[in-house]
C-alpha atoms as a PDB file:
ATOM      1  CA  MET A   1       0.000   0.000   0.000  1.00  0.00           C
ATOM      2  CA  ILE A   2       2.818   2.405   0.897  1.00  0.00           C
ATOM      3  CA  LYS A   3       4.683   1.499  -2.309  1.00  0.00           C
ATOM      4  CA  LEU A   4       1.566   2.310  -4.325  1.00  0.00           C
ATOM      5  CA  LYS A   5       1.233   5.728  -2.647  1.00  0.00           C
ATOM      6  CA  ILE A   6       4.922   6.510  -3.275  1.00  0.00           C
ATOM      7  CA  TYR A   7       4.552   5.437  -6.922  1.00  0.00           C
ATOM      8  CA  LEU A   8       1.444   7.617  -7.403  1.00  0.00           C
ATOM      9  CA  LEU A   9       3.076  10.590  -5.663  1.00  0.00           C
ATOM     10  CA  SER A  10       6.234  10.240  -7.806  1.00  0.00           C
ATOM     11  CA  THR A  11       4.168  10.029 -10.968  1.00  0.00           C
ATOM     12  CA  LEU A  12       2.200  13.136  -9.967  1.00  0.00           C
ATOM     13  CA  ILE A  13       5.389  15.117  -9.251  1.00  0.00           C
ATOM     14  CA  ILE A  14       6.916  14.123 -12.604  1.00  0.00           C
ATOM     15  CA  PHE A  15       3.696  15.096 -14.385  1.00  0.00           C
ATOM     16  CA  ILE A  16       3.626  18.515 -12.672  1.00  0.00           C
ATOM     17  CA  PHE A  17       7.268  19.265 -13.538  1.00  0.00           C
ATOM     18  CA  SER A  18       6.722  18.163 -17.137  1.00  0.00           C
ATOM     19  CA  SER A  19       3.656  20.383 -17.461  1.00  0.00           C
ATOM     20  CA  VAL A  20       5.481  23.406 -16.067  1.00  0.00           C
ATOM     21  CA  ALA A  21       8.464  22.857 -18.368  1.00  0.00           C
ATOM     22  CA  CYS A  22       6.236  22.611 -21.445  1.00  0.00           C
ATOM     23  CA  THR A  23       4.281  25.720 -20.465  1.00  0.00           C
ATOM     24  CA  ASN A  24       7.428  27.815 -20.047  1.00  0.00           C
ATOM     25  CA  ASN A  25       8.603  26.979 -23.597  1.00  0.00           C
ATOM     26  CA  GLU A  26       5.191  27.163 -25.231  1.00  0.00           C
ATOM     27  CA  ASP A  27       5.687  30.498 -27.018  1.00  0.00           C
ATOM     28  CA  THR A  28       9.453  30.535 -27.319  1.00  0.00           C
ATOM     29  CA  GLU A  29      12.033  28.795 -29.357  1.00  0.00           C
ATOM     30  CA  GLY A  30      11.727  25.701 -27.128  1.00  0.00           C
ATOM     31  CA  THR A  31      10.613  23.410 -29.932  1.00  0.00           C
ATOM     32  CA  ASP A  32      13.111  21.832 -32.313  1.00  0.00           C
ATOM     33  CA  GLU A  33      11.276  22.938 -35.451  1.00  0.00           C
ATOM     34  CA  LEU A  34       8.673  25.555 -36.313  1.00  0.00           C
ATOM     35  CA  ILE A  35       6.979  26.091 -39.668  1.00  0.00           C
ATOM     36  CA  PHE A  36       5.501  29.477 -40.547  1.00  0.00           C
ATOM     37  CA  LYS A  37       3.206  29.742 -43.599  1.00  0.00           C
ATOM     38  CA  GLY A  38       1.318  32.476 -45.384  1.00  0.00           C
ATOM     39  CA  GLU A  39      -0.233  33.318 -48.733  1.00  0.00           C
ATOM     40  CA  SER A  40      -1.350  36.384 -50.626  1.00  0.00           C
ATOM     41  CA  GLU A  41      -3.222  36.400 -53.915  1.00  0.00           C
ATOM     42  CA  ASN A  42      -0.077  35.606 -55.916  1.00  0.00           C
ATOM     43  CA  TRP A  43       2.580  34.391 -53.461  1.00  0.00           C
ATOM     44  CA  ARG A  44       3.158  31.659 -50.890  1.00  0.00           C
ATOM     45  CA  VAL A  45       5.945  32.012 -48.332  1.00  0.00           C
ATOM     46  CA  VAL A  46       7.066  29.274 -45.937  1.00  0.00           C
ATOM     47  CA  LEU A  47       9.652  29.679 -43.190  1.00  0.00           C
ATOM     48  CA  GLU A  48      11.148  26.530 -41.668  1.00  0.00           C
ATOM     49  CA  VAL A  49      12.996  27.104 -38.399  1.00  0.00           C
ATOM     50  CA  GLU A  50      15.260  24.514 -36.832  1.00  0.00           C
ATOM     51  CA  GLN A  51      16.729  25.290 -33.430  1.00  0.00           C
ATOM     52  CA  LEU A  52      20.456  24.656 -33.181  1.00  0.00           C
ATOM     53  CA  GLU A  53      22.210  23.194 -30.147  1.00  0.00           C
ATOM     54  CA  THR A  54      24.297  26.367 -30.004  1.00  0.00           C
ATOM     55  CA  PRO A  55      22.564  29.743 -29.753  1.00  0.00           C
ATOM     56  CA  GLY A  56      20.690  30.528 -32.922  1.00  0.00           C
ATOM     57  CA  SER A  57      18.692  28.787 -35.614  1.00  0.00           C
ATOM     58  CA  SER A  58      18.761  27.469 -39.121  1.00  0.00           C
ATOM     59  CA  LEU A  59      16.168  29.322 -41.221  1.00  0.00           C
ATOM     60  CA  VAL A  60      14.866  28.557 -44.704  1.00  0.00           C
ATOM     61  CA  TYR A  61      12.451  31.013 -46.345  1.00  0.00           C
ATOM     62  CA  THR A  62      10.807  29.580 -49.490  1.00  0.00           C
ATOM     63  CA  PHE A  63       9.052  31.918 -51.956  1.00  0.00           C
ATOM     64  CA  SER A  64       6.605  30.436 -54.514  1.00  0.00           C
ATOM     65  CA  TYR A  65       4.574  32.270 -57.148  1.00  0.00           C
ATOM     66  CA  ILE A  66       0.998  30.895 -57.083  1.00  0.00           C
ATOM     67  CA  GLY A  67      -0.627  33.538 -59.280  1.00  0.00           C
ATOM     68  CA  GLU A  68      -2.119  32.952 -62.699  1.00  0.00           C
ATOM     69  CA  GLY A  69      -0.155  33.565 -65.840  1.00  0.00           C
ATOM     70  CA  ILE A  70       3.564  33.604 -66.375  1.00  0.00           C
ATOM     71  CA  LYS A  71       5.654  33.616 -63.208  1.00  0.00           C
ATOM     72  CA  PRO A  72       7.988  36.582 -62.853  1.00  0.00           C
ATOM     73  CA  LYS A  73      11.652  35.956 -63.581  1.00  0.00           C
ATOM     74  CA  VAL A  74      12.760  38.461 -60.935  1.00  0.00           C
ATOM     75  CA  PHE A  75      11.076  39.740 -57.772  1.00  0.00           C
ATOM     76  CA  TYR A  76      12.137  41.820 -54.793  1.00  0.00           C
ATOM     77  CA  TYR A  77      11.311  40.964 -51.214  1.00  0.00           C
ATOM     78  CA  GLU A  78      11.556  42.759 -47.900  1.00  0.00           C
ATOM     79  CA  ILE A  79      11.363  40.710 -44.714  1.00  0.00           C
ATOM     80  CA  ASP A  80      10.313  42.890 -41.772  1.00  0.00           C
ATOM     81  CA  PRO A  81      13.424  44.315 -40.036  1.00  0.00           C
ATOM     82  CA  ASN A  82      12.092  43.090 -36.675  1.00  0.00           C
ATOM     83  CA  SER A  83      11.902  39.497 -37.958  1.00  0.00           C
ATOM     84  CA  PRO A  84      14.530  36.765 -37.951  1.00  0.00           C
ATOM     85  CA  ALA A  85      16.859  36.989 -40.973  1.00  0.00           C
ATOM     86  CA  SER A  86      15.361  40.311 -42.006  1.00  0.00           C
ATOM     87  CA  SER A  87      16.430  41.131 -45.507  1.00  0.00           C
ATOM     88  CA  VAL A  88      15.799  43.300 -48.536  1.00  0.00           C
ATOM     89  CA  ASP A  89      16.968  41.556 -51.662  1.00  0.00           C
ATOM     90  CA  GLU A  90      16.178  40.248 -55.125  1.00  0.00           C
ATOM     91  CA  GLY A  91      14.943  36.761 -55.897  1.00  0.00           C
ATOM     92  CA  SER A  92      14.741  34.818 -59.130  1.00  0.00           C
ATOM     93  CA  LEU A  93      12.298  32.226 -60.428  1.00  0.00           C
ATOM     94  CA  GLU A  94      13.805  32.115 -63.911  1.00  0.00           C
ATOM     95  CA  ASN A  95      14.784  28.426 -63.907  1.00  0.00           C
ATOM     96  CA  GLN A  96      12.819  27.181 -60.916  1.00  0.00           C
ATOM     97  CA  ASP A  97       9.333  27.154 -59.377  1.00  0.00           C
ATOM     98  CA  GLU A  98      10.446  28.436 -55.997  1.00  0.00           C
ATOM     99  CA  MET A  99      13.325  30.326 -54.460  1.00  0.00           C
ATOM    100  CA  SER A 100      14.848  29.627 -51.057  1.00  0.00           C
ATOM    101  CA  LEU A 101      16.727  31.964 -48.746  1.00  0.00           C
ATOM    102  CA  PHE A 102      18.952  30.323 -46.122  1.00  0.00           C
ATOM    103  CA  ALA A 103      20.172  31.809 -42.841  1.00  0.00           C
ATOM    104  CA  HIS A 104      22.167  29.817 -40.335  1.00  0.00           C
ATOM    105  CA  GLY A 105      23.742  30.624 -37.011  1.00  0.00           C
ATOM    106  CA  ASP A 106      23.277  33.349 -34.471  1.00  0.00           C
ATOM    107  CA  THR A 107      19.768  34.596 -35.249  1.00  0.00           C
ATOM    108  CA  GLU A 108      17.261  36.475 -33.136  1.00  0.00           C
ATOM    109  CA  PRO A 109      14.953  34.347 -30.935  1.00  0.00           C
ATOM    110  CA  ILE A 110      11.960  32.979 -32.803  1.00  0.00           C
ATOM    111  CA  TYR A 111       8.581  32.659 -31.123  1.00  0.00           C
ATOM    112  CA  LYS A 112       5.582  30.577 -32.201  1.00  0.00           C
ATOM    113  CA  ASN A 113       3.264  33.556 -31.883  1.00  0.00           C
ATOM    114  CA  MET A 114       5.565  35.880 -33.873  1.00  0.00           C
ATOM    115  CA  PRO A 115       3.889  36.984 -37.129  1.00  0.00           C
ATOM    116  CA  ILE A 116       6.383  37.879 -39.851  1.00  0.00           C
ATOM    117  CA  HIS A 117       5.520  40.485 -42.496  1.00  0.00           C
ATOM    118  CA  ILE A 118       7.005  40.182 -45.973  1.00  0.00           C
ATOM    119  CA  THR A 119       6.512  42.565 -48.902  1.00  0.00           C
ATOM    120  CA  ILE A 120       7.039  41.232 -52.416  1.00  0.00           C
ATOM    121  CA  ASN A 121       7.393  43.466 -55.501  1.00  0.00           C
ATOM    122  CA  TRP A 122       7.398  42.241 -59.114  1.00  0.00           C
ATOM    123  CA  ASP A 123       6.341  43.551 -62.542  1.00  0.00           C
ATOM    124  CA  ASN A 124       5.172  46.903 -61.069  1.00  0.00           C
ATOM    125  CA  LYS A 125       2.972  45.040 -58.540  1.00  0.00           C
ATOM    126  CA  SER A 126       3.261  44.644 -54.788  1.00  0.00           C
ATOM    127  CA  GLU A 127       1.731  42.320 -52.192  1.00  0.00           C
ATOM    128  CA  ASP A 128       2.163  41.790 -48.480  1.00  0.00           C
ATOM    129  CA  VAL A 129       2.335  38.291 -47.035  1.00  0.00           C
ATOM    130  CA  LEU A 130       1.890  37.565 -43.338  1.00  0.00           C
ATOM    131  CA  ILE A 131       3.388  34.244 -42.265  1.00  0.00           C
ATOM    132  CA  LYS A 132       2.692  32.577 -38.933  1.00  0.00           C
ATOM    133  CA  VAL A 133       2.652  29.171 -37.276  1.00  0.00           C
ATOM    134  CA  LYS A 134      -0.633  27.411 -37.998  1.00  0.00           C
END
């Protein structure tokens, strides 16, 4: 009877500590991988985040043109300066269906609830894409 009580008490303590640990990391970079997604009328952007053992992350932004008609050969993107791997640069879809941007190393902390704003310009057009964890 005493062994059963000790077993139940130990199990309860482990459960409580596990719950507290999961709650503390719920909105932070505590998970090994996060996937952010978003679409506008003509663009889809996906951000895959893998937490590194050292401080920082491995980030892969993937840009895909989903609009009708001929895909643009060149586009320009601006990732919000307050976002991980913020950038203003040119992308190309000339010989591919999607373009990926890689960032690796000491990046800003990434949170599950962090929306990331991206502006894409092409052929005298512009759209904003909001990506977030779904």
